[in-house]
Amino acid sequence: MQKRKVPLRMCAGCGQMKPKKELVRVVKSPEGEISLDLVGRKPGRGAYVCKSAECLKAARKARRLEKAFSCRIPDEVYDRLEEELNGNES
């Protein structure tokens, strides 16, 4: 029996390659709206961040999400992402 290959994605914050299931997907919809995709099924361009506020802060500081989506991201969007991440930490 062959083992299935685990899909790896790079965290935009810390830059580490991790299994896709351990990361949160940030998605830019075709309409240009940026949101967290907790199930990984929303349509649009995706970037991944660890489930920690530190990685989101690092990605924000280095503007890695802005580079991934090729657009400027308003501070309110980062604040909302941070709130959603903090709400999901148990």
Protein backbone atom coordinates (compact mmCIF):
# COMPACT_ATOMS: atom_id res chain seq x y z
CA MET A 1 0.00 0.00 0.00
CA GLN A 2 1.36 3.41 -0.97
CA LYS A 3 1.40 6.29 1.48
CA ARG A 4 -0.37 9.42 0.29
CA LYS A 5 1.82 12.46 -0.15
CA VAL A 6 1.01 15.16 2.41
CA PRO A 7 0.58 18.55 0.69
CA LEU A 8 3.02 21.10 2.11
CA ARG A 9 2.59 24.87 2.04
CA MET A 10 4.87 27.68 3.17
CA CYS A 11 3.77 29.94 6.01
CA ALA A 12 3.86 33.59 4.90
CA GLY A 13 4.97 34.54 8.43
CA CYS A 14 7.77 32.19 9.51
CA GLY A 15 8.59 30.80 6.06
CA GLN A 16 8.50 27.16 7.22
CA MET A 17 7.04 24.41 5.06
CA LYS A 18 4.24 22.70 6.97
CA PRO A 19 1.40 20.30 6.17
CA LYS A 20 -1.53 22.19 4.64
CA LYS A 21 -3.88 21.05 7.45
CA GLU A 22 -1.75 22.81 10.09
CA LEU A 23 -2.05 26.20 8.35
CA VAL A 24 -4.83 28.73 7.87
CA ARG A 25 -5.54 29.83 4.30
CA VAL A 26 -5.91 33.53 3.61
CA VAL A 27 -7.80 33.97 0.35
CA LYS A 28 -8.29 36.83 -2.08
CA SER A 29 -11.60 36.28 -3.85
CA PRO A 30 -12.09 37.08 -7.54
CA GLU A 31 -13.91 40.23 -6.33
CA GLY A 32 -10.79 41.30 -4.43
CA GLU A 33 -12.08 40.62 -0.90
CA ILE A 34 -9.52 39.16 1.52
CA SER A 35 -10.67 36.76 4.23
CA LEU A 36 -9.67 33.69 6.25
CA ASP A 37 -10.63 30.38 4.68
CA LEU A 38 -10.81 27.89 7.52
CA VAL A 39 -12.05 24.98 5.38
CA GLY A 40 -9.70 25.61 2.44
CA ARG A 41 -12.43 25.55 -0.20
CA LYS A 42 -13.12 29.21 -1.02
CA PRO A 43 -12.42 30.23 -4.61
CA GLY A 44 -9.56 32.64 -5.25
CA ARG A 45 -5.84 33.07 -4.71
CA GLY A 46 -4.60 31.60 -1.46
CA ALA A 47 -1.69 32.21 0.88
CA TYR A 48 -1.02 30.30 4.07
CA VAL A 49 -0.20 31.36 7.63
CA CYS A 50 0.43 29.31 10.79
CA LYS A 51 -2.38 29.33 13.32
CA SER A 52 -0.52 31.85 15.48
CA ALA A 53 -0.80 35.61 15.82
CA GLU A 54 3.02 35.89 15.73
CA CYS A 55 3.19 34.49 12.19
CA LEU A 56 0.41 36.81 11.04
CA LYS A 57 2.31 39.77 12.55
CA ALA A 58 5.52 38.67 10.80
CA ALA A 59 3.69 38.31 7.48
CA ARG A 60 2.14 41.75 7.98
CA LYS A 61 5.47 43.38 8.86
CA ALA A 62 7.24 41.91 5.81
CA ARG A 63 4.17 42.59 3.59
CA ARG A 64 4.25 38.97 2.41
CA LEU A 65 0.48 38.72 1.93
CA GLU A 66 0.51 41.93 -0.12
CA LYS A 67 3.22 40.43 -2.33
CA ALA A 68 1.32 37.14 -2.64
CA PHE A 69 -1.89 38.89 -3.69
CA SER A 70 -0.22 41.76 -5.63
CA CYS A 71 -2.35 44.39 -3.92
CA ARG A 72 -2.36 46.65 -0.87
CA ILE A 73 -4.13 45.18 2.15
CA PRO A 74 -5.91 47.63 4.49
CA ASP A 75 -5.10 47.51 8.22
CA GLU A 76 -8.74 46.59 9.01
CA VAL A 77 -8.29 43.33 7.08
CA TYR A 78 -5.20 42.41 9.12
CA ASP A 79 -7.03 43.32 12.33
CA ARG A 80 -9.97 41.11 11.34
CA LEU A 81 -7.63 38.22 10.44
CA GLU A 82 -5.90 38.59 13.81
CA GLU A 83 -9.26 38.56 15.63
CA GLU A 84 -10.36 35.45 13.74
CA LEU A 85 -7.06 33.71 14.50
CA ASN A 86 -7.25 34.59 18.19
CA GLY A 87 -10.86 33.41 18.31
CA ASN A 88 -9.84 30.02 16.93
CA GLU A 89 -6.99 29.40 19.36
CA SER A 90 -8.09 27.19 22.24
